[in-house]
Amino acid sequence: MLGEWRDGRWVEPGLTGCPSGHPFGPQRVLVGWRACLCQGEAGVSGHRLYYCRTCAETVSVPECVTPEETTVDQQGLRSPGARGGPP
């Protein structure tokens, strides 16, 4: 979910910590993106992933509603140059 700052720039608010209570900050979290079609009708084309480097827990925002059915690999949407080759 995007929000607009007073100066007109857009910002995506991040998480402040993992569900286990570890705070996120420099050198403590890896942030990534995973394409997914689980909420395609709502205009969501994927999930922001937050990986806690303390406990190795990954949080998906928004939460994936059908992770076993709508991953990029299973939908055949992975780019041709992605690791592992074609699905």
PDB file of N, CA and C in Angstrom:
ATOM      1  N   MET A   1       0.848  -1.169   0.000  1.00  0.00           N
ATOM      2  CA  MET A   1       0.000   0.000   0.000  1.00  0.00           C
ATOM      3  C   MET A   1       0.898   1.239   0.000  1.00  0.00           C
ATOM      4  N   LEU A   2       0.683   2.114  -0.936  1.00  0.00           N
ATOM      5  CA  LEU A   2       1.494   3.325  -1.056  1.00  0.00           C
ATOM      6  C   LEU A   2       0.842   4.490  -0.328  1.00  0.00           C
ATOM      7  N   GLY A   3       1.677   5.366   0.151  1.00  0.00           N
ATOM      8  CA  GLY A   3       1.212   6.605   0.752  1.00  0.00           C
ATOM      9  C   GLY A   3       2.005   7.751   0.150  1.00  0.00           C
ATOM     10  N   GLU A   4       1.451   8.937   0.202  1.00  0.00           N
ATOM     11  CA  GLU A   4       2.132  10.084  -0.388  1.00  0.00           C
ATOM     12  C   GLU A   4       2.679  10.984   0.714  1.00  0.00           C
ATOM     13  N   TRP A   5       3.955  11.345   0.590  1.00  0.00           N
ATOM     14  CA  TRP A   5       4.567  12.287   1.518  1.00  0.00           C
ATOM     15  C   TRP A   5       4.114  13.695   1.184  1.00  0.00           C
ATOM     16  N   ARG A   6       4.338  14.624   2.084  1.00  0.00           N
ATOM     17  CA  ARG A   6       3.927  16.012   1.869  1.00  0.00           C
ATOM     18  C   ARG A   6       4.572  16.640   0.643  1.00  0.00           C
ATOM     19  N   ASP A   7       5.791  16.207   0.302  1.00  0.00           N
ATOM     20  CA  ASP A   7       6.474  16.807  -0.849  1.00  0.00           C
ATOM     21  C   ASP A   7       6.080  16.158  -2.177  1.00  0.00           C
ATOM     22  N   GLY A   8       5.102  15.273  -2.155  1.00  0.00           N
ATOM     23  CA  GLY A   8       4.602  14.667  -3.382  1.00  0.00           C
ATOM     24  C   GLY A   8       5.226  13.326  -3.743  1.00  0.00           C
ATOM     25  N   ARG A   9       6.285  12.920  -3.039  1.00  0.00           N
ATOM     26  CA  ARG A   9       6.890  11.618  -3.317  1.00  0.00           C
ATOM     27  C   ARG A   9       6.013  10.512  -2.757  1.00  0.00           C
ATOM     28  N   TRP A  10       6.117   9.328  -3.391  1.00  0.00           N
ATOM     29  CA  TRP A  10       5.370   8.167  -2.927  1.00  0.00           C
ATOM     30  C   TRP A  10       6.272   7.305  -2.064  1.00  0.00           C
ATOM     31  N   VAL A  11       5.716   6.712  -1.038  1.00  0.00           N
ATOM     32  CA  VAL A  11       6.477   5.866  -0.129  1.00  0.00           C
ATOM     33  C   VAL A  11       5.660   4.619   0.205  1.00  0.00           C
ATOM     34  N   GLU A  12       6.355   3.498   0.329  1.00  0.00           N
ATOM     35  CA  GLU A  12       5.718   2.262   0.758  1.00  0.00           C
ATOM     36  C   GLU A  12       6.148   2.007   2.200  1.00  0.00           C
ATOM     37  N   PRO A  13       5.234   2.102   3.153  1.00  0.00           N
ATOM     38  CA  PRO A  13       5.621   1.882   4.537  1.00  0.00           C
ATOM     39  C   PRO A  13       6.111   0.449   4.726  1.00  0.00           C
ATOM     40  N   GLY A  14       7.207   0.278   5.430  1.00  0.00           N
ATOM     41  CA  GLY A  14       7.758  -1.041   5.674  1.00  0.00           C
ATOM     42  C   GLY A  14       7.379  -1.569   7.046  1.00  0.00           C
ATOM     43  N   LEU A  15       7.696  -2.823   7.275  1.00  0.00           N
ATOM     44  CA  LEU A  15       7.460  -3.423   8.576  1.00  0.00           C
ATOM     45  C   LEU A  15       8.572  -2.988   9.532  1.00  0.00           C
ATOM     46  N   THR A  16       8.271  -2.939  10.810  1.00  0.00           N
ATOM     47  CA  THR A  16       9.272  -2.540  11.793  1.00  0.00           C
ATOM     48  C   THR A  16       9.927  -3.732  12.473  1.00  0.00           C
ATOM     49  N   GLY A  17       9.350  -4.924  12.290  1.00  0.00           N
ATOM     50  CA  GLY A  17       9.924  -6.114  12.900  1.00  0.00           C
ATOM     51  C   GLY A  17       9.220  -7.368  12.439  1.00  0.00           C
ATOM     52  N   CYS A  18       9.796  -8.516  12.777  1.00  0.00           N
ATOM     53  CA  CYS A  18       9.212  -9.802  12.389  1.00  0.00           C
ATOM     54  C   CYS A  18       8.202 -10.246  13.447  1.00  0.00           C
ATOM     55  N   PRO A  19       7.375 -11.246  13.137  1.00  0.00           N
ATOM     56  CA  PRO A  19       6.385 -11.729  14.107  1.00  0.00           C
ATOM     57  C   PRO A  19       7.012 -12.265  15.401  1.00  0.00           C
ATOM     58  N   SER A  20       8.286 -12.643  15.354  1.00  0.00           N
ATOM     59  CA  SER A  20       8.964 -13.142  16.560  1.00  0.00           C
ATOM     60  C   SER A  20       9.480 -12.004  17.443  1.00  0.00           C
ATOM     61  N   GLY A  21       9.321 -10.747  16.981  1.00  0.00           N
ATOM     62  CA  GLY A  21       9.699  -9.601  17.786  1.00  0.00           C
ATOM     63  C   GLY A  21      11.065  -9.012  17.493  1.00  0.00           C
ATOM     64  N   HIS A  22      11.777  -9.538  16.502  1.00  0.00           N
ATOM     65  CA  HIS A  22      13.087  -8.981  16.163  1.00  0.00           C
ATOM     66  C   HIS A  22      12.894  -7.687  15.374  1.00  0.00           C
ATOM     67  N   PRO A  23      13.554  -6.605  15.780  1.00  0.00           N
ATOM     68  CA  PRO A  23      13.394  -5.333  15.065  1.00  0.00           C
ATOM     69  C   PRO A  23      14.102  -5.363  13.719  1.00  0.00           C
ATOM     70  N   PHE A  24      13.487  -4.736  12.724  1.00  0.00           N
ATOM     71  CA  PHE A  24      14.101  -4.609  11.411  1.00  0.00           C
ATOM     72  C   PHE A  24      14.901  -3.314  11.356  1.00  0.00           C
ATOM     73  N   GLY A  25      15.984  -3.345  10.640  1.00  0.00           N
ATOM     74  CA  GLY A  25      16.835  -2.187  10.464  1.00  0.00           C
ATOM     75  C   GLY A  25      18.003  -2.579   9.585  1.00  0.00           C
ATOM     76  N   PRO A  26      18.993  -1.713   9.453  1.00  0.00           N
ATOM     77  CA  PRO A  26      20.157  -2.026   8.626  1.00  0.00           C
ATOM     78  C   PRO A  26      20.825  -3.328   9.069  1.00  0.00           C
ATOM     79  N   GLN A  27      21.142  -4.166   8.104  1.00  0.00           N
ATOM     80  CA  GLN A  27      21.797  -5.461   8.325  1.00  0.00           C
ATOM     81  C   GLN A  27      20.927  -6.468   9.077  1.00  0.00           C
ATOM     82  N   ARG A  28      19.657  -6.177   9.283  1.00  0.00           N
ATOM     83  CA  ARG A  28      18.774  -7.082  10.025  1.00  0.00           C
ATOM     84  C   ARG A  28      17.634  -7.641   9.195  1.00  0.00           C
ATOM     85  N   VAL A  29      17.407  -7.067   8.008  1.00  0.00           N
ATOM     86  CA  VAL A  29      16.288  -7.505   7.180  1.00  0.00           C
ATOM     87  C   VAL A  29      16.690  -7.435   5.712  1.00  0.00           C
ATOM     88  N   LEU A  30      16.205  -8.405   4.956  1.00  0.00           N
ATOM     89  CA  LEU A  30      16.323  -8.366   3.499  1.00  0.00           C
ATOM     90  C   LEU A  30      14.920  -8.169   2.947  1.00  0.00           C
ATOM     91  N   VAL A  31      14.779  -7.271   1.996  1.00  0.00           N
ATOM     92  CA  VAL A  31      13.468  -6.969   1.428  1.00  0.00           C
ATOM     93  C   VAL A  31      13.483  -7.341  -0.042  1.00  0.00           C
ATOM     94  N   GLY A  32      12.459  -8.055  -0.472  1.00  0.00           N
ATOM     95  CA  GLY A  32      12.383  -8.476  -1.865  1.00  0.00           C
ATOM     96  C   GLY A  32      10.956  -8.479  -2.369  1.00  0.00           C
ATOM     97  N   TRP A  33      10.775  -9.042  -3.551  1.00  0.00           N
ATOM     98  CA  TRP A  33       9.472  -9.080  -4.216  1.00  0.00           C
ATOM     99  C   TRP A  33       9.299 -10.444  -4.858  1.00  0.00           C
ATOM    100  N   ARG A  34       8.091 -11.001  -4.778  1.00  0.00           N
ATOM    101  CA  ARG A  34       7.764 -12.259  -5.434  1.00  0.00           C
ATOM    102  C   ARG A  34       6.460 -12.060  -6.198  1.00  0.00           C
ATOM    103  N   ALA A  35       6.523 -12.297  -7.492  1.00  0.00           N
ATOM    104  CA  ALA A  35       5.302 -12.195  -8.298  1.00  0.00           C
ATOM    105  C   ALA A  35       4.350 -13.319  -7.922  1.00  0.00           C
ATOM    106  N   CYS A  36       3.061 -13.013  -7.907  1.00  0.00           N
ATOM    107  CA  CYS A  36       2.043 -13.996  -7.534  1.00  0.00           C
ATOM    108  C   CYS A  36       0.696 -13.514  -8.054  1.00  0.00           C
ATOM    109  N   LEU A  37      -0.175 -14.446  -8.368  1.00  0.00           N
ATOM    110  CA  LEU A  37      -1.493 -14.087  -8.904  1.00  0.00           C
ATOM    111  C   LEU A  37      -2.637 -14.351  -7.939  1.00  0.00           C
ATOM    112  N   CYS A  38      -2.333 -14.573  -6.654  1.00  0.00           N
ATOM    113  CA  CYS A  38      -3.384 -14.957  -5.713  1.00  0.00           C
ATOM    114  C   CYS A  38      -4.431 -13.865  -5.500  1.00  0.00           C
ATOM    115  N   GLN A  39      -4.065 -12.609  -5.701  1.00  0.00           N
ATOM    116  CA  GLN A  39      -5.014 -11.515  -5.506  1.00  0.00           C
ATOM    117  C   GLN A  39      -5.100 -10.649  -6.764  1.00  0.00           C
ATOM    118  N   GLY A  40      -4.952 -11.290  -7.909  1.00  0.00           N
ATOM    119  CA  GLY A  40      -4.947 -10.575  -9.177  1.00  0.00           C
ATOM    120  C   GLY A  40      -6.187  -9.747  -9.420  1.00  0.00           C
ATOM    121  N   GLU A  41      -7.345 -10.247  -8.997  1.00  0.00           N
ATOM    122  CA  GLU A  41      -8.581  -9.495  -9.213  1.00  0.00           C
ATOM    123  C   GLU A  41      -8.604  -8.214  -8.398  1.00  0.00           C
ATOM    124  N   ALA A  42      -7.782  -8.137  -7.363  1.00  0.00           N
ATOM    125  CA  ALA A  42      -7.695  -6.925  -6.540  1.00  0.00           C
ATOM    126  C   ALA A  42      -6.586  -5.998  -7.030  1.00  0.00           C
ATOM    127  N   GLY A  43      -5.947  -6.355  -8.138  1.00  0.00           N
ATOM    128  CA  GLY A  43      -4.884  -5.524  -8.685  1.00  0.00           C
ATOM    129  C   GLY A  43      -3.516  -5.776  -8.066  1.00  0.00           C
ATOM    130  N   VAL A  44      -3.387  -6.839  -7.288  1.00  0.00           N
ATOM    131  CA  VAL A  44      -2.108  -7.179  -6.658  1.00  0.00           C
ATOM    132  C   VAL A  44      -1.394  -8.192  -7.539  1.00  0.00           C
ATOM    133  N   SER A  45      -0.170  -7.871  -7.949  1.00  0.00           N
ATOM    134  CA  SER A  45       0.559  -8.771  -8.842  1.00  0.00           C
ATOM    135  C   SER A  45       1.703  -9.487  -8.131  1.00  0.00           C
ATOM    136  N   GLY A  46       1.792  -9.331  -6.828  1.00  0.00           N
ATOM    137  CA  GLY A  46       2.846 -10.000  -6.083  1.00  0.00           C
ATOM    138  C   GLY A  46       2.891  -9.558  -4.639  1.00  0.00           C
ATOM    139  N   HIS A  47       3.971  -9.933  -3.979  1.00  0.00           N
ATOM    140  CA  HIS A  47       4.107  -9.681  -2.552  1.00  0.00           C
ATOM    141  C   HIS A  47       5.477  -9.115  -2.221  1.00  0.00           C
ATOM    142  N   ARG A  48       5.523  -8.157  -1.323  1.00  0.00           N
ATOM    143  CA  ARG A  48       6.773  -7.674  -0.767  1.00  0.00           C
ATOM    144  C   ARG A  48       7.165  -8.687   0.306  1.00  0.00           C
ATOM    145  N   LEU A  49       8.406  -9.157   0.267  1.00  0.00           N
ATOM    146  CA  LEU A  49       8.891 -10.142   1.228  1.00  0.00           C
ATOM    147  C   LEU A  49       9.889  -9.493   2.171  1.00  0.00           C
ATOM    148  N   TYR A  50       9.745  -9.758   3.457  1.00  0.00           N
ATOM    149  CA  TYR A  50      10.659  -9.285   4.486  1.00  0.00           C
ATOM    150  C   TYR A  50      11.272 -10.518   5.147  1.00  0.00           C
ATOM    151  N   TYR A  51      12.581 -10.678   5.023  1.00  0.00           N
ATOM    152  CA  TYR A  51      13.292 -11.823   5.581  1.00  0.00           C
ATOM    153  C   TYR A  51      14.095 -11.362   6.790  1.00  0.00           C
ATOM    154  N   CYS A  52      13.771 -11.894   7.952  1.00  0.00           N
ATOM    155  CA  CYS A  52      14.472 -11.545   9.179  1.00  0.00           C
ATOM    156  C   CYS A  52      15.795 -12.299   9.217  1.00  0.00           C
ATOM    157  N   ARG A  53      16.897 -11.574   9.270  1.00  0.00           N
ATOM    158  CA  ARG A  53      18.213 -12.208   9.289  1.00  0.00           C
ATOM    159  C   ARG A  53      18.560 -12.766  10.670  1.00  0.00           C
ATOM    160  N   THR A  54      17.750 -12.489  11.673  1.00  0.00           N
ATOM    161  CA  THR A  54      17.984 -13.035  13.012  1.00  0.00           C
ATOM    162  C   THR A  54      17.388 -14.434  13.153  1.00  0.00           C
ATOM    163  N   CYS A  55      16.128 -14.601  12.731  1.00  0.00           N
ATOM    164  CA  CYS A  55      15.451 -15.897  12.932  1.00  0.00           C
ATOM    165  C   CYS A  55      15.103 -16.606  11.630  1.00  0.00           C
ATOM    166  N   ALA A  56      15.400 -16.000  10.481  1.00  0.00           N
ATOM    167  CA  ALA A  56      15.152 -16.593   9.158  1.00  0.00           C
ATOM    168  C   ALA A  56      13.666 -16.722   8.823  1.00  0.00           C
ATOM    169  N   GLU A  57      12.817 -15.956   9.473  1.00  0.00           N
ATOM    170  CA  GLU A  57      11.390 -15.964   9.154  1.00  0.00           C
ATOM    171  C   GLU A  57      11.121 -14.982   8.017  1.00  0.00           C
ATOM    172  N   THR A  58      10.243 -15.369   7.094  1.00  0.00           N
ATOM    173  CA  THR A  58       9.868 -14.510   5.974  1.00  0.00           C
ATOM    174  C   THR A  58       8.412 -14.101   6.121  1.00  0.00           C
ATOM    175  N   VAL A  59       8.150 -12.810   5.965  1.00  0.00           N
ATOM    176  CA  VAL A  59       6.795 -12.277   6.029  1.00  0.00           C
ATOM    177  C   VAL A  59       6.432 -11.770   4.642  1.00  0.00           C
ATOM    178  N   SER A  60       5.237 -12.108   4.170  1.00  0.00           N
ATOM    179  CA  SER A  60       4.744 -11.704   2.861  1.00  0.00           C
ATOM    180  C   SER A  60       3.670 -10.641   3.033  1.00  0.00           C
ATOM    181  N   VAL A  61       3.808  -9.497   2.327  1.00  0.00           N
ATOM    182  CA  VAL A  61       2.837  -8.401   2.421  1.00  0.00           C
ATOM    183  C   VAL A  61       2.392  -8.014   1.022  1.00  0.00           C
ATOM    184  N   PRO A  62       1.098  -8.075   0.693  1.00  0.00           N
ATOM    185  CA  PRO A  62       0.047  -8.648   1.516  1.00  0.00           C
ATOM    186  C   PRO A  62       0.229 -10.164   1.614  1.00  0.00           C
ATOM    187  N   GLU A  63      -0.416 -10.752   2.591  1.00  0.00           N
ATOM    188  CA  GLU A  63      -0.297 -12.191   2.799  1.00  0.00           C
ATOM    189  C   GLU A  63      -0.835 -12.943   1.585  1.00  0.00           C
ATOM    190  N   CYS A  64      -0.127 -13.983   1.183  1.00  0.00           N
ATOM    191  CA  CYS A  64      -0.567 -14.801   0.048  1.00  0.00           C
ATOM    192  C   CYS A  64      -1.736 -15.658   0.497  1.00  0.00           C
ATOM    193  N   VAL A  65      -2.845 -15.609  -0.249  1.00  0.00           N
ATOM    194  CA  VAL A  65      -4.037 -16.348   0.167  1.00  0.00           C
ATOM    195  C   VAL A  65      -4.052 -17.787  -0.329  1.00  0.00           C
ATOM    196  N   THR A  66      -3.308 -18.084  -1.372  1.00  0.00           N
ATOM    197  CA  THR A  66      -3.234 -19.456  -1.890  1.00  0.00           C
ATOM    198  C   THR A  66      -1.808 -19.764  -2.339  1.00  0.00           C
ATOM    199  N   PRO A  67      -0.853 -19.814  -1.420  1.00  0.00           N
ATOM    200  CA  PRO A  67       0.556 -19.955  -1.813  1.00  0.00           C
ATOM    201  C   PRO A  67       0.865 -21.209  -2.605  1.00  0.00           C
ATOM    202  N   GLU A  68       0.146 -22.281  -2.372  1.00  0.00           N
ATOM    203  CA  GLU A  68       0.433 -23.525  -3.083  1.00  0.00           C
ATOM    204  C   GLU A  68      -0.091 -23.537  -4.516  1.00  0.00           C
ATOM    205  N   GLU A  69      -0.948 -22.595  -4.879  1.00  0.00           N
ATOM    206  CA  GLU A  69      -1.572 -22.621  -6.197  1.00  0.00           C
ATOM    207  C   GLU A  69      -1.146 -21.496  -7.123  1.00  0.00           C
ATOM    208  N   THR A  70      -0.586 -20.429  -6.599  1.00  0.00           N
ATOM    209  CA  THR A  70      -0.412 -19.239  -7.433  1.00  0.00           C
ATOM    210  C   THR A  70       1.005 -18.710  -7.502  1.00  0.00           C
ATOM    211  N   THR A  71       1.996 -19.531  -7.185  1.00  0.00           N
ATOM    212  CA  THR A  71       3.356 -19.045  -7.286  1.00  0.00           C
ATOM    213  C   THR A  71       3.733 -18.847  -8.745  1.00  0.00           C
ATOM    214  N   VAL A  72       4.717 -18.037  -8.970  1.00  0.00           N
ATOM    215  CA  VAL A  72       5.147 -17.729 -10.330  1.00  0.00           C
ATOM    216  C   VAL A  72       5.583 -18.990 -11.064  1.00  0.00           C
ATOM    217  N   ASP A  73       6.348 -19.837 -10.418  1.00  0.00           N
ATOM    218  CA  ASP A  73       6.822 -21.055 -11.066  1.00  0.00           C
ATOM    219  C   ASP A  73       5.661 -21.932 -11.526  1.00  0.00           C
ATOM    220  N   GLN A  74       4.640 -22.088 -10.695  1.00  0.00           N
ATOM    221  CA  GLN A  74       3.520 -22.940 -11.037  1.00  0.00           C
ATOM    222  C   GLN A  74       2.629 -22.322 -12.109  1.00  0.00           C
ATOM    223  N   GLN A  75       2.613 -21.016 -12.220  1.00  0.00           N
ATOM    224  CA  GLN A  75       1.820 -20.352 -13.245  1.00  0.00           C
ATOM    225  C   GLN A  75       2.578 -20.263 -14.564  1.00  0.00           C
ATOM    226  N   GLY A  76       3.878 -20.626 -14.561  1.00  0.00           N
ATOM    227  CA  GLY A  76       4.675 -20.547 -15.780  1.00  0.00           C
ATOM    228  C   GLY A  76       5.039 -19.133 -16.143  1.00  0.00           C
ATOM    229  N   LEU A  77       5.131 -18.242 -15.161  1.00  0.00           N
ATOM    230  CA  LEU A  77       5.397 -16.836 -15.444  1.00  0.00           C
ATOM    231  C   LEU A  77       6.839 -16.443 -15.171  1.00  0.00           C
ATOM    232  N   ARG A  78       7.655 -17.375 -14.732  1.00  0.00           N
ATOM    233  CA  ARG A  78       9.040 -17.065 -14.431  1.00  0.00           C
ATOM    234  C   ARG A  78       9.742 -16.606 -15.698  1.00  0.00           C
ATOM    235  N   SER A  79      10.608 -15.627 -15.570  1.00  0.00           N
ATOM    236  CA  SER A  79      11.315 -15.128 -16.749  1.00  0.00           C
ATOM    237  C   SER A  79      12.261 -16.189 -17.286  1.00  0.00           C
ATOM    238  N   PRO A  80      12.505 -16.221 -18.592  1.00  0.00           N
ATOM    239  CA  PRO A  80      13.340 -17.255 -19.198  1.00  0.00           C
ATOM    240  C   PRO A  80      14.742 -17.317 -18.621  1.00  0.00           C
ATOM    241  N   GLY A  81      15.272 -16.204 -18.152  1.00  0.00           N
ATOM    242  CA  GLY A  81      16.629 -16.186 -17.610  1.00  0.00           C
ATOM    243  C   GLY A  81      16.715 -16.470 -16.127  1.00  0.00           C
ATOM    244  N   ALA A  82      15.578 -16.798 -15.491  1.00  0.00           N
ATOM    245  CA  ALA A  82      15.587 -17.038 -14.054  1.00  0.00           C
ATOM    246  C   ALA A  82      16.340 -18.314 -13.719  1.00  0.00           C
ATOM    247  N   ARG A  83      16.856 -18.383 -12.506  1.00  0.00           N
ATOM    248  CA  ARG A  83      17.578 -19.573 -12.078  1.00  0.00           C
ATOM    249  C   ARG A  83      16.711 -20.812 -12.218  1.00  0.00           C
ATOM    250  N   GLY A  84      17.322 -21.873 -12.639  1.00  0.00           N
ATOM    251  CA  GLY A  84      16.587 -23.132 -12.732  1.00  0.00           C
ATOM    252  C   GLY A  84      15.989 -23.364 -14.112  1.00  0.00           C
ATOM    253  N   GLY A  85      16.067 -22.397 -15.000  1.00  0.00           N
ATOM    254  CA  GLY A  85      15.550 -22.584 -16.358  1.00  0.00           C
ATOM    255  C   GLY A  85      14.048 -22.545 -16.424  1.00  0.00           C
ATOM    256  N   PRO A  86      13.489 -22.979 -17.528  1.00  0.00           N
ATOM    257  CA  PRO A  86      12.035 -22.932 -17.704  1.00  0.00           C
ATOM    258  C   PRO A  86      11.321 -23.848 -16.724  1.00  0.00           C
ATOM    259  N   PRO A  87      10.099 -23.509 -16.347  1.00  0.00           N
ATOM    260  CA  PRO A  87       9.332 -24.364 -15.410  1.00  0.00           C
ATOM    261  C   PRO A  87       8.993 -25.690 -16.043  1.00  0.00           C
TER     262      PRO A  87
END
